[in-house]
Amino acid sequence: MSATTLWKCEVCGYVHEGPEPPAECPVCGVGPDQFSKLEVSLGETSAAPAAAPEAWRCTVCDHVHEGPEPPAQCPVCGAPASMFEPEAPPPAVAPSKAGGRVVIVGAGVAAITAAEHARRTAPQAEITVLSKEPGRPYLRLNLTRLLAGEVQEADLALQPEGWYADHHISLREGEVEAVDPAATRVTLRGGETLEYDALVLANGAHPFVPPITGATREGVFTFRTVEDARAIGERVRSGTRCVCIGGGLLGLETAGALQRRGVSVSVVEGFGWLLPRQLPQPAGQRLQAHLERLGIAVRCGATVKEIRGDEAVAEVLLADGETLPADAVIISAGVRPNSWLARRCGLTVERGVVVDDRMATSAPQVFAAGDVAEHRGAVFGIWPTAYAQGMVAGINAAGGQARYPGMAPSNRLKVLDVDLFSIGRIEAEDASTEIWERETDDRYARILLHDGRIVGAALYGDTSLAGRLKDAIDSGVQVRESDLAGELAGFERR
């Protein structure tokens, strides 16, 4: 088993492949010191299928241990060897023949990474990328910077002009209406069909719009595409009043982009604090205070009852009766996988399209990666996961052998000039979880331990401990308080 080295920008999440980090992040502009190393396990990339190693799956937490025997103790949850059961090897899948046809549905990071690695694996393959959007594939990570006026549309491209032709990858605009795994073909809108030897579904996700009365009024937007950025940019100007519904990462980054354009911004979050998936309450409250100092109004613990107006939006009515004047509304309530194609053709779909460690779906020679894929029960929807899954799907679709063992979900971001880091659990699951906290006016840190192992952490304002904490969680090793004497200096046990 070999590994490929990736470098994740810890500010924005961009992933770079190569022996060294880039001199500058192409998305947010930070230097190489802000990149951390990721490794994705790969098998041999020849066309001959490799024998699967023996493996054991923990029946408590689903951790997979490779080897002839289960471990004495699960390194993740501590379960004994008796709680492991043999993990069935992935079903044998005939590799694509040299010069075979690989069709990739989608044009985001998972899709383009799949195309790149399919080409590396099978130099003679016929590779077609089907994009629903016109123009070259682009970096969604930079859309909020585009809205803020910090970059131009030309700066968004995932690959430079000529890259697709140089790599003999056919990039076509076309919407797939149906997939027929038995006949190994896809049907485009308009009736054209394309046959494939391997298919990669990397068609992403769509914004979730809650059932809010008035959500279809003029001036109400979701924000996921460059077309959305154009439409919002045409709607707002200095002095425009905008309400952002949703206090997650995209909602806050959008609010920050609009505020930099002189827009009067209000954020409405239904949870009790901002970034509830990434931050515990004390950190979320500090972030709210920071936004308010910037001039962004924040309503937490508030729900939207109605978006009011005639044809166009005029105000937002909250459930408590408060009204917020609005010339524009942006709904940032999360996304849902674009799984309808997979459902219609009979693939196994739960929250997303279910895949194994090869990114293989329940149909032969059909793979899925990125926001549409569900791996080991999780749909992550973050850039590093999409990149790694796209790499593995592309290699396997082209006849190679690669596995995606999973990556510890972590977020180390810079939101509105505040450094944030979170990984694993941020709240105690039971009374045996130890919570250590350190607080100052502008900084907050929380570390969670369970059965002698660090299982989660959240840092606000100072992320200097992030690397050590991530290593400890990834390794699953037991630690003593004395081992963390430096890290826990100034912490109090809650």
Foldseek 3Di string as FASTA:
>chain_A
DDKWKWKAQQAQGDIDGDPADDQAPLAPGDGRVRIDIDIFFWDFLALDDDDDFKWKAQQPQRAIGGDPAADQAPLAPGHGSVRIDTDDDPDDFRAADQQFEEEEEEQELLRVLLVVLLCVSRVNHQAEYEYQDDDARFHQSRLLVVLLVNDDPQSGHPDDPPPCVVSNYHYYYWAWDAAALVQQWTATVVGDIDHGPFYEYAHAWFFDDPPAAPCPAPQEEEDRDNVRSVSNSVQDAAAFEEEEEAQAQVSLSNQLSVVSRNYQYEYEELAQFHNVVFAPDVQRVLVQVVVVVSRYHYHYNWAWRHQDDDRHGAWTAIPVGDIGGHRHYYYHPDIAAPAPNVVVNPWDADSAQEAEFLQDTPRHNYGYAAQRYAYPNDRDRGNVRSNSRSSSNSSRSSSTTTTGSDDFDKHFHQRPNKTKIKGADNDDPDPQKKWKWADDSQWIKIWIDHPQATGMIIIIRDCPCVVVSRVRNVSSDGDDVVNCVVVRVRIDID
